[in-house]
Protein backbone atom coordinates (compact mmCIF):
# COMPACT_ATOMS: atom_id res chain seq x y z
CA MET A 1 120.37 177.14 109.95
CA LEU A 2 119.14 179.36 112.78
CA ASN A 3 117.97 182.76 111.59
CA THR A 4 118.89 185.26 114.31
CA ASP A 5 118.02 188.54 112.56
CA LYS A 6 116.24 190.99 114.88
CA ILE A 7 115.96 188.35 117.58
CA THR A 8 117.14 187.99 121.17
CA LYS A 9 120.86 187.32 121.18
CA SER A 10 121.28 185.97 124.71
CA PRO A 11 118.04 184.41 126.02
CA TRP A 12 118.08 182.96 129.50
CA ARG A 13 115.58 180.31 128.35
CA ILE A 14 114.52 178.80 125.03
CA THR A 15 111.49 176.72 124.12
CA LEU A 16 112.03 174.02 121.52
CA VAL A 17 108.85 173.26 119.58
CA THR A 18 110.02 169.68 119.25
CA ASN A 19 106.91 167.72 118.23
CA PRO A 20 103.85 169.98 118.04
CA ASP A 21 101.66 167.52 116.11
CA GLU A 22 102.53 164.44 118.17
CA CYS A 23 100.26 163.72 121.13
CA ASN A 24 98.49 160.73 122.66
CA LEU A 25 95.46 162.75 123.81
CA HIS A 26 92.84 164.85 122.03
CA CYS A 27 92.09 167.76 124.34
CA THR A 28 89.15 169.94 123.38
CA LEU A 29 91.02 173.23 123.80
CA CYS A 30 94.20 172.15 122.03
CA PHE A 31 95.27 174.91 119.63
CA LEU A 32 95.50 172.37 116.80
CA LYS A 33 91.87 171.46 117.38
CA GLN A 34 90.85 175.11 117.65
CA SER A 35 92.53 175.87 114.33
CA ALA A 36 91.31 172.59 112.77
CA SER A 37 94.71 172.02 111.20
CA PRO A 38 98.10 170.53 112.12
CA PHE A 39 101.03 172.77 112.93
CA GLY A 40 102.60 171.25 109.86
CA LYS A 41 106.34 171.54 110.48
CA GLY A 42 106.98 167.94 111.54
CA GLU A 43 109.26 166.83 114.34
CA MET A 44 112.34 168.87 115.16
CA PRO A 45 115.54 167.14 113.99
CA PHE A 46 117.89 166.77 116.92
CA GLU A 47 120.53 168.68 114.98
CA VAL A 48 118.30 171.77 115.17
CA ALA A 49 117.74 171.35 118.90
CA GLU A 50 121.44 170.78 119.59
CA ALA A 51 122.50 173.76 117.47
CA ALA A 52 120.18 176.08 119.36
CA ILE A 53 121.16 174.81 122.80
CA ARG A 54 124.89 174.91 122.14
CA LYS A 55 124.67 178.35 120.52
CA TYR A 56 122.82 179.95 123.40
CA SER A 57 124.56 178.02 126.17
CA ALA A 58 127.58 180.17 125.36
CA CYS A 59 125.42 183.28 125.93
CA GLY A 60 124.01 182.52 129.36
CA LEU A 61 121.25 180.00 128.57
CA ARG A 62 120.03 178.41 131.79
CA GLU A 63 116.88 176.53 130.87
CA VAL A 64 115.26 174.63 127.98
CA ILE A 65 111.56 173.86 127.55
CA PRO A 66 110.73 171.00 125.19
CA SER A 67 107.51 171.40 123.21
CA THR A 68 104.54 173.04 124.91
CA MET A 69 102.46 171.87 121.93
CA GLY A 70 101.95 168.15 121.55
CA GLU A 71 103.26 165.84 124.28
CA PRO A 72 106.99 166.53 124.78
CA LEU A 73 107.72 163.07 126.20
CA LEU A 74 106.85 161.64 122.77
CA TYR A 75 109.75 163.49 121.16
CA SER A 76 111.89 160.73 119.66
CA HIS A 77 115.11 162.46 120.71
CA PHE A 78 114.13 163.20 124.31
CA ASP A 79 116.88 161.04 125.84
CA GLU A 80 119.46 162.80 123.67
CA LEU A 81 118.04 166.13 124.84
CA ILE A 82 118.50 165.08 128.47
CA LEU A 83 122.10 164.02 127.88
CA LEU A 84 122.93 167.31 126.14
CA CYS A 85 121.42 169.39 128.93
CA ARG A 86 123.34 167.40 131.53
CA GLU A 87 126.56 167.87 129.58
CA LEU A 88 126.08 171.64 129.47
CA GLY A 89 124.64 172.04 132.97
CA ILE A 90 121.31 173.35 131.66
CA LYS A 91 118.00 172.55 133.32
CA LEU A 92 114.89 171.30 131.54
CA ASN A 93 111.42 172.66 132.28
CA VAL A 94 108.79 170.15 131.17
CA THR A 95 105.02 170.44 130.82
CA THR A 96 103.46 167.01 130.30
CA ASN A 97 99.90 165.72 130.03
CA GLY A 98 100.49 163.23 132.84
CA THR A 99 100.20 160.01 130.83
CA PHE A 100 103.98 159.41 130.85
CA PRO A 101 104.22 157.32 127.65
CA GLY A 102 105.97 154.02 128.23
CA GLY A 103 105.15 154.08 131.94
CA LEU A 104 105.99 156.52 134.72
CA ALA A 105 108.83 154.37 136.08
CA SER A 106 110.85 154.96 132.92
CA TRP A 107 110.66 158.73 133.43
CA THR A 108 110.90 159.51 137.14
CA ASP A 109 114.65 159.36 137.81
CA LYS A 110 115.81 161.02 134.60
CA LEU A 111 113.20 163.81 134.67
CA LEU A 112 113.39 164.55 138.38
CA SER A 113 117.16 164.88 138.29
CA VAL A 114 117.49 167.09 135.18
CA CYS A 115 114.41 169.34 135.41
CA ARG A 116 114.03 172.55 137.34
CA ASP A 117 110.26 172.12 137.22
CA ILE A 118 107.86 169.43 136.02
CA LYS A 119 104.38 170.77 135.29
CA VAL A 120 101.57 168.29 134.81
CA SER A 121 98.54 169.63 132.96
CA ILE A 122 95.26 168.92 134.71
CA TRP A 123 91.79 169.54 133.31
CA GLY A 124 89.81 168.70 136.44
CA LEU A 125 89.03 165.96 138.91
CA LYS A 126 85.59 164.85 137.83
CA LYS A 127 85.15 162.12 135.24
CA GLN A 128 82.52 164.04 133.29
CA THR A 129 84.87 167.02 133.04
CA LEU A 130 87.64 164.89 131.59
CA GLN A 131 85.23 163.30 129.14
CA ARG A 132 84.42 166.75 127.78
CA LEU A 133 87.85 168.42 127.94
CA CYS A 134 90.24 165.49 127.58
CA PRO A 135 88.39 162.42 126.27
CA GLY A 136 90.22 159.14 126.72
CA LEU A 137 92.19 160.16 129.81
CA SER A 138 91.59 157.85 132.80
CA LEU A 139 91.10 159.90 135.98
CA GLU A 140 92.23 156.99 138.18
CA GLU A 141 95.45 156.40 136.23
CA PHE A 142 96.15 160.12 136.04
CA VAL A 143 95.89 160.65 139.81
CA LEU A 144 97.91 157.49 140.46
CA ASN A 145 100.71 158.87 138.26
CA LEU A 146 100.71 162.08 140.29
CA GLU A 147 100.92 160.13 143.54
CA ARG A 148 103.76 157.94 142.28
CA LEU A 149 105.66 160.93 140.91
CA SER A 150 105.48 162.59 144.31
CA VAL A 151 106.68 159.43 146.07
CA ALA A 152 109.57 159.02 143.60
CA ARG A 153 110.70 162.57 144.30
CA LYS A 154 110.68 161.97 148.03
CA GLU A 155 112.79 158.83 147.57
CA LEU A 156 115.37 160.67 145.47
CA LYS A 157 115.51 163.47 148.03
CA LYS A 158 116.32 160.91 150.72
CA GLN A 159 119.26 159.81 148.56
CA GLY A 160 120.58 163.35 148.46
CA VAL A 161 119.65 163.96 144.82
CA LEU A 162 118.84 167.55 143.85
CA VAL A 163 115.35 167.13 142.43
CA SER A 164 112.86 169.12 140.39
CA SER A 165 109.95 171.08 141.75
CA LEU A 166 106.49 169.72 140.90
CA SER A 167 103.57 171.79 139.65
CA LEU A 168 100.04 171.27 138.41
CA GLN A 169 98.92 173.50 135.56
CA MET A 170 95.23 174.08 134.88
CA ALA A 171 93.68 175.89 131.92
CA VAL A 172 90.53 177.22 133.56
CA CYS A 173 87.30 177.47 131.57
CA LYS A 174 83.57 177.31 132.30
CA GLU A 175 83.63 173.51 132.27
CA ASN A 176 86.20 173.09 135.07
CA ARG A 177 85.88 176.39 136.96
CA ASP A 178 84.22 174.77 139.99
CA GLU A 179 87.05 172.21 140.29
CA VAL A 180 89.84 174.69 140.95
CA THR A 181 89.66 174.14 144.71
CA LEU A 182 89.72 170.36 144.22
CA VAL A 183 92.89 170.67 142.16
CA LEU A 184 94.55 172.91 144.76
CA ASN A 185 93.68 170.50 147.56
CA LEU A 186 95.05 167.55 145.59
CA ALA A 187 98.32 169.36 144.88
CA SER A 188 98.66 170.28 148.54
CA ARG A 189 97.95 166.71 149.69
CA LEU A 190 100.56 165.27 147.32
CA GLY A 191 103.23 167.76 148.34
CA PHE A 192 103.44 169.57 145.01
CA ASP A 193 105.10 172.98 145.12
CA ARG A 194 102.58 175.12 143.27
CA VAL A 195 99.57 175.27 140.98
CA LYS A 196 99.45 177.45 137.86
CA LEU A 197 95.93 178.60 137.12
CA ASN A 198 95.85 180.02 133.62
CA ARG A 199 92.78 181.38 131.92
CA ALA A 200 92.03 179.14 128.91
CA VAL A 201 93.22 180.84 125.71
CA PHE A 202 91.12 180.84 122.55
CA LEU A 203 92.55 181.53 119.12
CA SER A 204 90.76 184.13 117.03
CA CYS A 205 89.79 181.30 114.67
CA ALA A 206 88.29 179.12 117.41
CA PRO A 207 84.70 177.98 116.71
CA GLU A 208 82.17 180.49 118.03
CA GLN A 209 80.20 177.78 119.82
CA MET A 210 83.33 176.59 121.61
CA ARG A 211 83.96 180.08 122.96
CA LYS A 212 80.34 180.46 123.98
CA ASN A 213 80.38 177.14 125.87
CA LEU A 214 83.79 177.39 127.50
CA GLU A 215 85.17 180.94 127.67
CA LEU A 216 85.06 182.49 131.13
CA ASP A 217 83.48 185.83 131.89
CA ALA A 218 86.08 188.57 131.62
CA GLU A 219 85.89 189.52 135.30
CA ASP A 220 85.94 185.97 136.67
CA CYS A 221 89.20 185.12 138.45
CA TYR A 222 90.47 183.13 141.41
CA LYS A 223 90.11 185.09 144.65
CA GLU A 224 89.67 182.33 147.22
CA LYS A 225 92.19 181.40 149.90
CA SER A 226 94.61 178.76 148.68
CA PRO A 227 96.32 176.00 150.69
CA MET A 228 99.48 176.52 148.62
CA LEU A 229 101.34 178.73 146.14
CA VAL A 230 99.17 179.73 143.18
CA GLU A 231 100.33 181.58 140.08
CA GLY A 232 98.95 182.30 136.63
CA THR A 233 96.73 184.53 134.53
CA PHE A 234 93.49 183.38 136.20
CA LEU A 235 94.43 185.34 139.31
CA TYR A 236 93.33 188.53 137.52
CA PRO A 237 90.42 189.63 135.34
CA MET A 238 90.94 189.17 131.60
CA GLY A 239 93.39 191.69 130.18
CA LYS A 240 94.92 192.44 133.58
CA THR A 241 98.20 191.26 135.07
CA SER A 242 100.55 192.07 137.94
CA VAL A 243 103.48 192.09 135.50
CA ARG A 244 104.46 195.63 134.48
CA SER A 245 106.11 194.62 131.21
CA CYS A 246 106.24 191.56 128.99
CA PRO A 247 108.44 188.96 130.71
CA PHE A 248 109.33 187.29 127.40
CA LEU A 249 110.25 189.90 124.80
CA GLY A 250 114.00 190.28 124.59
CA LYS A 251 114.56 187.58 127.21
CA GLU A 252 113.37 184.28 125.73
CA LEU A 253 113.15 182.54 122.36
CA TRP A 254 110.98 179.87 120.73
CA VAL A 255 112.71 177.60 118.21
CA LEU A 256 110.39 176.03 115.63
CA PRO A 257 111.01 172.56 114.13
CA ASP A 258 112.59 174.02 110.99
CA GLY A 259 115.01 176.14 113.03
CA SER A 260 113.19 179.44 112.54
CA LEU A 261 112.75 181.60 115.61
CA GLU A 262 109.84 183.29 117.35
CA ARG A 263 110.33 185.64 120.28
CA CYS A 264 106.83 185.47 121.74
CA PRO A 265 104.63 182.64 123.13
CA ASP A 266 101.33 184.25 122.12
CA PRO A 267 99.61 181.44 120.17
CA GLU A 268 98.31 183.93 117.61
CA ASN A 269 101.91 184.50 116.53
CA LEU A 270 102.35 180.80 115.86
CA TYR A 271 98.97 179.89 114.41
CA ILE A 272 97.30 182.94 112.92
CA TYR A 273 99.81 185.55 111.86
CA PRO A 274 103.60 185.71 111.83
CA SER A 275 105.41 187.98 114.24
CA LYS A 276 106.16 191.36 112.64
CA GLY A 277 108.38 193.32 114.96
CA GLU A 278 106.72 195.36 117.69
CA LYS A 279 103.37 195.32 115.87
CA SER A 280 102.59 191.80 117.10
CA CYS A 281 102.55 193.11 120.68
CA GLU A 282 99.47 195.20 119.95
CA LYS A 283 97.27 192.10 119.65
CA CYS A 284 98.90 190.02 122.40
CA GLN A 285 96.37 187.93 124.35
CA LEU A 286 98.82 187.24 127.19
CA PHE A 287 100.11 190.69 128.09
CA PRO A 288 98.00 193.34 126.32
CA LYS A 289 99.62 196.75 126.19
CA ASN A 290 98.32 199.41 128.58
CA SER A 291 96.21 196.93 130.53
CA PHE A 292 98.39 196.30 133.55
CA LEU A 293 97.10 196.48 137.09
């Protein structure tokens, strides 16, 4: 049962935390690794996902994000999720690690035609960087998947299909800071629409040595000229943003596997302390109060 007390009644977008503990990679900065514990709520039953989508589709819901924790394409009910969104005319917004479990060919048509945006997480373009930040990921296979995804989109466009935008999303830290330009150039060459450069987020419980090795200096941010559209928190010094108010509170919702709701994406709310009304905003890492540009 969805608990809707003191929560957004008509979100334009919801995030379904479908399978937070299920992933085929072991990224160094994963919040589960930072906290040294699983999320612990299991996989979301499809009945929970369907109940949330149908409920809010009647209130103006336009977009659904499957899990931003874990690898969403490993959700065992992903095909059912696609069918439901198509039935209701709702777009998906997917962030994937770029491995495309089962092979890219099995995903291209169905994702490109139902998503508004497909974001592929990228840690860098040097093998030694991937070994440190995403061990086990093949750089060659990863880039080949990006190339084939771009080609598949072009083919669908030729057929008159309304297709998703394509983005690369990079969590920038000390280890990959000097590869930002390489990532932007790759995205531009492949015809991607944008790159999101987000400052890597560290939980308050993250190991001290991890923060020392990887956390950026507070004033470091991307100021260089870009060959394409760039967005994200790394465009500003830490604690600064161009947004004048939180873009999430009162507008979006996060549905956890057990059907409980969270109204904020700040990882501290999910991993460290539960959301407690307006008080949780005071410690927000994403949009700190009174720190806007």
